[in-house]
């Protein structure tokens, strides 16, 4: 193969990688939309916007900053023009990464059924607005006077991006870790922690690749693929988890009303109500034990007392009895 052939093969390979990344990224967004519409859970909506804003930023900031490398011939643009296009495209992408960071932190809080405080919102967007305006002022000076070191500027931008990403990731993950200690449901706790670990891994790899991208150009394309394709994994996991464990809010509300009437009728204690609720949702004695942090024997004792009080012999009869109760 000739030198020209090698060059064009490399360009073709890069275009295929970018196209594949875009398609997988689009698939992630479609799957996130379907998940959000299927389950009425606030954090799924936030998660969708996190992926969407990161997707848009990736188009502007990552693909845009590398696209001149795959435009033959190489001399179609001067080096200064290439630099100007890259900086302008990154600038256009900044609002979307600001929103993506925010949505990720909000997603971490909503996993634990918490909301972002008004004070955090005000402080976060005020700081990000100052950074954005500072970058805009820097670009104006660069385009006006034309005296700057492109490589040095990119290094500073990557460092800034890495620091903010690390801070947001750490804050979100610590929230998940702390809140998981108070979470009684073992499955929910495991789900939240797994999602936290997945995204810590994602952002660590992303920061590492980004810091090598200036010196090793091929790393940029690996980074692009990671940014677009990674989210398929947590989306698939969430789909499986919710498919097994999600209960409609209307059903939960109905159960609460039934249990109030049922408990009063059969002298059911609060702890026994908790266990009945878990029996209703199909959990085994072992799963109830893990969720409530009590021994398996204690669960069996509670279930036996419930059966004795209500005069039923098994779980099916208990559930049918609850359903037949009218508030």
Protein backbone atom coordinates (compact mmCIF):
# COMPACT_ATOMS: atom_id res chain seq x y z
CA UNK A 1 0.00 0.00 0.00
CA UNK A 2 1.32 3.46 -0.96
CA UNK A 3 1.79 6.29 1.52
CA UNK A 4 -1.28 8.08 0.07
CA UNK A 5 -3.28 4.86 0.41
CA UNK A 6 -2.28 4.53 4.07
CA UNK A 7 -3.33 8.14 4.71
CA UNK A 8 -6.75 7.63 3.12
CA UNK A 9 -7.22 4.31 4.93
CA UNK A 10 -6.52 6.07 8.22
CA UNK A 11 -8.98 8.84 7.36
CA UNK A 12 -11.66 6.29 6.41
CA UNK A 13 -11.11 4.40 9.65
CA UNK A 14 -11.48 7.60 11.67
CA UNK A 15 -14.70 8.55 9.86
CA UNK A 16 -16.12 5.07 10.47
CA UNK A 17 -15.24 5.33 14.18
CA UNK A 18 -16.88 8.74 14.51
CA UNK A 19 -19.99 7.61 12.61
CA UNK A 20 -20.28 4.47 14.73
CA UNK A 21 -19.88 6.56 17.89
CA UNK A 22 -22.64 8.94 16.78
CA UNK A 23 -25.00 6.05 16.01
CA UNK A 24 -24.38 4.40 19.38
CA UNK A 25 -24.81 7.75 21.10
CA UNK A 26 -28.12 8.26 19.31
CA UNK A 27 -29.19 4.77 20.38
CA UNK A 28 -28.35 5.66 24.00
CA UNK A 29 -30.58 8.72 23.81
CA UNK A 30 -33.45 6.72 22.27
CA UNK A 31 -33.15 4.03 24.97
CA UNK A 32 -33.03 6.70 27.70
CA UNK A 33 -36.22 8.30 26.31
CA UNK A 34 -37.99 4.94 26.27
CA UNK A 35 -36.90 4.24 29.83
CA UNK A 36 -38.07 7.68 30.97
CA UNK A 37 -41.50 7.22 29.35
CA UNK A 38 -41.93 3.67 30.64
CA UNK A 39 -41.22 4.41 34.30
CA UNK A 40 -42.52 7.39 36.24
CA UNK A 41 -39.29 8.11 38.14
CA UNK A 42 -37.79 11.66 38.39
CA UNK A 43 -34.14 10.60 38.16
CA UNK A 44 -34.72 8.96 34.75
CA UNK A 45 -35.71 12.32 33.26
CA UNK A 46 -32.59 13.93 34.75
CA UNK A 47 -30.45 11.06 33.48
CA UNK A 48 -31.84 11.52 29.97
CA UNK A 49 -30.91 15.22 29.94
CA UNK A 50 -27.45 14.41 31.30
CA UNK A 51 -26.82 12.07 28.34
CA UNK A 52 -28.37 14.50 25.85
CA UNK A 53 -26.29 17.50 26.96
CA UNK A 54 -23.12 15.41 27.06
CA UNK A 55 -23.91 14.15 23.56
CA UNK A 56 -24.30 17.69 22.20
CA UNK A 57 -21.13 18.85 23.94
CA UNK A 58 -19.25 15.91 22.49
CA UNK A 59 -20.31 16.90 18.98
CA UNK A 60 -19.16 20.49 19.44
CA UNK A 61 -16.17 20.09 21.71
CA UNK A 62 -14.69 16.72 20.77
CA UNK A 63 -15.66 15.93 17.18
CA UNK A 64 -15.49 19.59 16.23
CA UNK A 65 -12.00 19.99 17.63
CA UNK A 66 -10.76 16.94 15.69
CA UNK A 67 -12.68 17.18 12.45
CA UNK A 68 -9.94 19.15 10.65
CA UNK A 69 -7.66 16.13 11.03
CA UNK A 70 -9.88 14.09 8.74
CA UNK A 71 -10.55 16.72 6.08
CA UNK A 72 -8.29 16.04 3.05
CA UNK A 73 -6.27 17.72 1.76
CA UNK A 74 -4.42 18.81 4.91
CA UNK A 75 -3.64 22.26 3.50
CA UNK A 76 -7.27 23.22 2.93
CA UNK A 77 -7.02 25.39 6.06
CA UNK A 78 -4.13 27.26 7.57
CA UNK A 79 -2.98 26.19 11.02
CA UNK A 80 -4.31 29.42 12.57
CA UNK A 81 -7.71 28.89 10.92
CA UNK A 82 -7.86 25.32 12.22
CA UNK A 83 -7.09 26.52 15.73
CA UNK A 84 -9.73 29.26 15.50
CA UNK A 85 -12.41 26.76 14.36
CA UNK A 86 -11.54 24.33 17.15
CA UNK A 87 -11.64 27.01 19.85
CA UNK A 88 -14.93 28.42 18.53
CA UNK A 89 -16.57 24.97 18.44
CA UNK A 90 -15.40 24.20 21.97
CA UNK A 91 -16.85 27.57 23.03
CA UNK A 92 -20.23 26.64 21.54
CA UNK A 93 -20.16 23.35 23.43
CA UNK A 94 -19.39 24.80 26.86
CA UNK A 95 -23.03 25.61 27.86
CA UNK A 96 -23.94 21.98 27.21
CA UNK A 97 -21.17 20.52 29.36
CA UNK A 98 -22.15 22.95 32.14
CA UNK A 99 -25.70 21.57 31.95
CA UNK A 100 -24.41 17.98 31.69
CA UNK A 101 -22.35 18.36 34.89
CA UNK A 102 -25.35 19.83 36.68
CA UNK A 103 -27.68 17.06 35.50
CA UNK A 104 -25.21 14.39 36.61
CA UNK A 105 -25.00 15.83 40.12
CA UNK A 106 -28.78 16.19 40.25
CA UNK A 107 -29.13 12.58 39.04
CA UNK A 108 -26.93 11.38 41.92
CA UNK A 109 -29.12 13.21 44.43
CA UNK A 110 -32.38 12.03 42.92
CA UNK A 111 -31.23 8.41 43.12
CA UNK A 112 -31.52 8.91 46.89
CA UNK A 113 -34.81 10.83 46.51
CA UNK A 114 -33.23 14.20 47.28
CA UNK A 115 -33.38 17.50 45.43
CA UNK A 116 -30.69 20.02 44.56
CA UNK A 117 -30.87 23.02 46.89
CA UNK A 118 -31.57 26.53 45.61
CA UNK A 119 -28.27 27.70 47.14
CA UNK A 120 -26.33 25.12 45.13
CA UNK A 121 -28.16 26.08 41.92
CA UNK A 122 -27.33 29.74 42.42
CA UNK A 123 -23.68 29.15 43.30
CA UNK A 124 -23.11 26.58 40.56
CA UNK A 125 -24.53 28.59 37.67
CA UNK A 126 -22.95 31.83 38.89
CA UNK A 127 -19.47 30.25 38.93
CA UNK A 128 -20.00 28.53 35.58
CA UNK A 129 -21.28 31.76 34.02
CA UNK A 130 -18.11 33.57 35.12
CA UNK A 131 -15.91 30.83 33.65
CA UNK A 132 -17.89 30.90 30.40
CA UNK A 133 -17.65 34.68 30.10
CA UNK A 134 -13.96 34.49 30.94
CA UNK A 135 -13.40 32.06 28.07
CA UNK A 136 -15.43 34.29 25.74
CA UNK A 137 -13.27 37.29 26.70
CA UNK A 138 -10.12 35.22 26.09
CA UNK A 139 -11.34 34.18 22.62
CA UNK A 140 -12.08 37.81 21.70
CA UNK A 141 -8.54 38.81 22.64
CA UNK A 142 -7.09 35.88 20.71
CA UNK A 143 -9.06 36.64 17.54
CA UNK A 144 -8.32 40.37 17.85
CA UNK A 145 -4.58 40.25 18.57
CA UNK A 146 -3.72 36.76 17.32
CA UNK A 147 -0.88 36.23 19.80
CA UNK A 148 -1.27 33.06 21.81
CA UNK A 149 0.08 29.55 22.30
CA UNK A 150 -2.60 27.13 21.10
CA UNK A 151 -1.07 24.09 22.79
CA UNK A 152 -0.69 25.93 26.10
CA UNK A 153 -4.26 27.19 25.92
CA UNK A 154 -5.59 23.68 25.25
CA UNK A 155 -3.64 22.33 28.22
CA UNK A 156 -5.20 24.93 30.52
CA UNK A 157 -8.66 24.12 29.17
CA UNK A 158 -8.16 20.38 29.67
CA UNK A 159 -6.92 20.95 33.22
CA UNK A 160 -9.96 23.14 34.00
CA UNK A 161 -12.32 20.57 32.49
CA UNK A 162 -10.64 17.73 34.40
CA UNK A 163 -10.81 19.56 37.75
CA UNK A 164 -14.50 20.47 37.40
CA UNK A 165 -15.41 16.98 36.17
CA UNK A 166 -13.53 15.37 39.06
CA UNK A 167 -15.19 17.70 41.59
CA UNK A 168 -18.73 17.06 40.28
CA UNK A 169 -18.12 13.31 40.07
CA UNK A 170 -16.72 13.15 43.60
CA UNK A 171 -19.59 15.23 45.02
CA UNK A 172 -22.19 13.06 43.32
CA UNK A 173 -20.54 9.78 44.29
CA UNK A 174 -20.08 10.82 47.93
CA UNK A 175 -23.78 11.65 48.08
CA UNK A 176 -24.62 8.17 46.79
CA UNK A 177 -22.23 6.55 49.28
CA UNK A 178 -23.56 8.51 52.28
CA UNK A 179 -27.22 8.04 51.39
CA UNK A 180 -26.75 4.33 50.73
CA UNK A 181 -25.91 3.87 54.42
CA UNK A 182 -29.46 4.88 55.34
CA UNK A 183 -31.14 2.94 52.52
CA UNK A 184 -33.04 -0.03 53.93
CA UNK A 185 -33.76 -1.74 50.63
CA UNK A 186 -30.70 -3.80 49.72
CA UNK A 187 -31.55 -3.90 46.00
CA UNK A 188 -31.93 -0.14 45.72
CA UNK A 189 -28.72 0.39 47.67
CA UNK A 190 -26.86 -2.00 45.37
CA UNK A 191 -28.33 -0.32 42.27
CA UNK A 192 -27.32 3.17 43.39
CA UNK A 193 -23.79 2.12 44.33
CA UNK A 194 -23.28 0.25 41.08
CA UNK A 195 -24.37 3.27 39.03
CA UNK A 196 -22.04 5.44 41.12
CA UNK A 197 -19.06 3.14 40.53
CA UNK A 198 -19.82 2.92 36.81
CA UNK A 199 -19.76 6.67 36.38
CA UNK A 200 -16.68 7.15 38.55
CA UNK A 201 -14.93 4.69 36.22
CA UNK A 202 -16.35 6.51 33.17
CA UNK A 203 -15.13 9.93 34.26
CA UNK A 204 -11.71 8.68 35.41
CA UNK A 205 -11.07 7.03 32.03
CA UNK A 206 -12.43 10.11 30.25
CA UNK A 207 -10.09 12.48 32.12
CA UNK A 208 -7.13 10.18 31.51
CA UNK A 209 -7.78 9.92 27.78
CA UNK A 210 -8.41 13.65 27.49
CA UNK A 211 -5.04 14.49 29.03
CA UNK A 212 -3.26 12.24 26.51
CA UNK A 213 -5.26 13.44 23.50
CA UNK A 214 -3.00 16.41 22.70
CA UNK A 215 0.17 14.36 22.41
CA UNK A 216 -1.38 11.16 20.96
CA UNK A 217 -4.04 12.13 18.36
CA UNK A 218 -5.55 8.62 18.08
CA UNK A 219 -6.55 8.85 21.76
CA UNK A 220 -9.07 11.56 20.79
CA UNK A 221 -11.04 9.06 18.73
CA UNK A 222 -11.00 6.49 21.54
CA UNK A 223 -12.33 9.24 23.80
CA UNK A 224 -15.10 10.04 21.32
CA UNK A 225 -16.17 6.39 21.23
CA UNK A 226 -16.19 6.23 25.03
CA UNK A 227 -18.27 9.41 25.41
CA UNK A 228 -20.96 8.19 23.04
CA UNK A 229 -21.08 4.44 23.71
CA UNK A 230 -20.59 4.05 27.48
CA UNK A 231 -24.14 4.98 28.51
CA UNK A 232 -25.60 1.88 26.87
CA UNK A 233 -24.28 -0.15 29.84
CA UNK A 234 -26.04 1.74 32.70
CA UNK A 235 -29.20 2.14 30.60
CA UNK A 236 -29.35 -1.61 30.01
CA UNK A 237 -28.76 -2.25 33.72
CA UNK A 238 -31.49 0.22 34.75
CA UNK A 239 -33.92 -1.35 32.30
CA UNK A 240 -33.34 -4.83 33.76
CA UNK A 241 -33.46 -3.60 37.37
CA UNK A 242 -36.66 -1.59 36.97
CA UNK A 243 -38.29 -4.38 34.98
CA UNK A 244 -37.89 -6.62 38.02
CA UNK A 245 -38.47 -4.17 40.87
CA UNK A 246 -40.54 -1.18 39.76
CA UNK A 247 -44.02 -0.76 41.23
CA UNK A 248 -46.40 1.90 39.90
CA UNK A 249 -47.00 4.78 42.40
CA UNK A 250 -50.75 4.20 42.08
CA UNK A 251 -50.29 0.59 43.17
CA UNK A 252 -48.15 1.65 46.12
CA UNK A 253 -50.75 4.22 47.16
CA UNK A 254 -53.49 1.57 46.91
CA UNK A 255 -51.44 -0.82 49.03
CA UNK A 256 -50.93 1.85 51.71
CA UNK A 257 -54.68 2.44 51.96
CA UNK A 258 -55.38 -1.28 52.09
CA UNK A 259 -52.72 -1.90 54.75
CA UNK A 260 -54.09 0.84 57.02
CA UNK A 261 -57.51 -0.77 57.01
CA UNK A 262 -56.09 -4.31 57.08
CA UNK A 263 -53.72 -3.57 59.99
CA UNK A 264 -56.45 -2.01 62.10
CA UNK A 265 -58.72 -5.00 61.48
CA UNK A 266 -56.14 -7.67 62.35
CA UNK A 267 -54.02 -5.78 64.91
CA UNK A 268 -50.91 -5.69 62.64
CA UNK A 269 -47.84 -3.87 64.02
CA UNK A 270 -45.78 -1.33 62.03
CA UNK A 271 -42.95 -3.82 61.53
CA UNK A 272 -45.42 -6.44 60.35
CA UNK A 273 -46.87 -3.87 57.93
CA UNK A 274 -43.39 -3.41 56.43
CA UNK A 275 -43.02 -7.13 55.98
CA UNK A 276 -46.49 -7.48 54.46
CA UNK A 277 -45.59 -4.73 51.96
CA UNK A 278 -42.48 -6.65 50.93
CA UNK A 279 -44.41 -9.91 50.71
CA UNK A 280 -46.89 -8.07 48.46
CA UNK A 281 -44.03 -7.00 46.15
CA UNK A 282 -42.85 -10.61 45.86
CA UNK A 283 -39.74 -10.53 48.04
CA UNK A 284 -38.49 -13.72 49.65
CA UNK A 285 -37.76 -14.04 53.37
CA UNK A 286 -34.04 -13.68 52.62
CA UNK A 287 -34.61 -10.48 50.63
CA UNK A 288 -36.80 -9.06 53.41
CA UNK A 289 -34.06 -9.94 55.91
CA UNK A 290 -31.42 -8.11 53.85
CA UNK A 291 -33.64 -5.07 53.24
CA UNK A 292 -34.64 -4.57 56.89
CA UNK A 293 -31.27 -5.61 58.39
CA UNK A 294 -32.86 -8.29 60.57
CA UNK A 295 -32.15 -12.00 60.83
CA UNK A 296 -33.86 -14.54 58.61
CA UNK A 297 -35.37 -16.22 61.67
CA UNK A 298 -36.86 -12.91 62.83
CA UNK A 299 -38.53 -12.52 59.43
CA UNK A 300 -39.93 -16.05 59.66
CA UNK A 301 -41.27 -15.31 63.14
CA UNK A 302 -42.99 -12.13 61.92
CA UNK A 303 -44.51 -13.94 58.93
CA UNK A 304 -45.77 -16.73 61.19
CA UNK A 305 -47.42 -14.20 63.55
CA UNK A 306 -49.05 -12.45 60.56
CA UNK A 307 -50.43 -15.78 59.33
CA UNK A 308 -51.73 -16.56 62.84
CA UNK A 309 -53.42 -13.17 63.25
CA UNK A 310 -55.09 -13.29 59.85
CA UNK A 311 -55.88 -17.00 59.77
CA UNK A 312 -54.14 -17.66 56.46
CA UNK A 313 -51.77 -20.51 55.63
CA UNK A 314 -49.51 -19.04 52.95
CA UNK A 315 -48.49 -15.86 51.12
CA UNK A 316 -51.01 -16.24 48.30
CA UNK A 317 -53.88 -16.42 50.79
CA UNK A 318 -52.47 -13.38 52.63
CA UNK A 319 -52.30 -11.28 49.46
CA UNK A 320 -55.80 -12.33 48.43
CA UNK A 321 -57.05 -11.39 51.89
CA UNK A 322 -55.45 -7.94 51.64
CA UNK A 323 -56.96 -7.40 48.19
CA UNK A 324 -60.39 -8.32 49.48
CA UNK A 325 -60.12 -5.76 52.28
CA UNK A 326 -61.97 -2.53 51.56
CA UNK A 327 -60.91 0.72 53.28
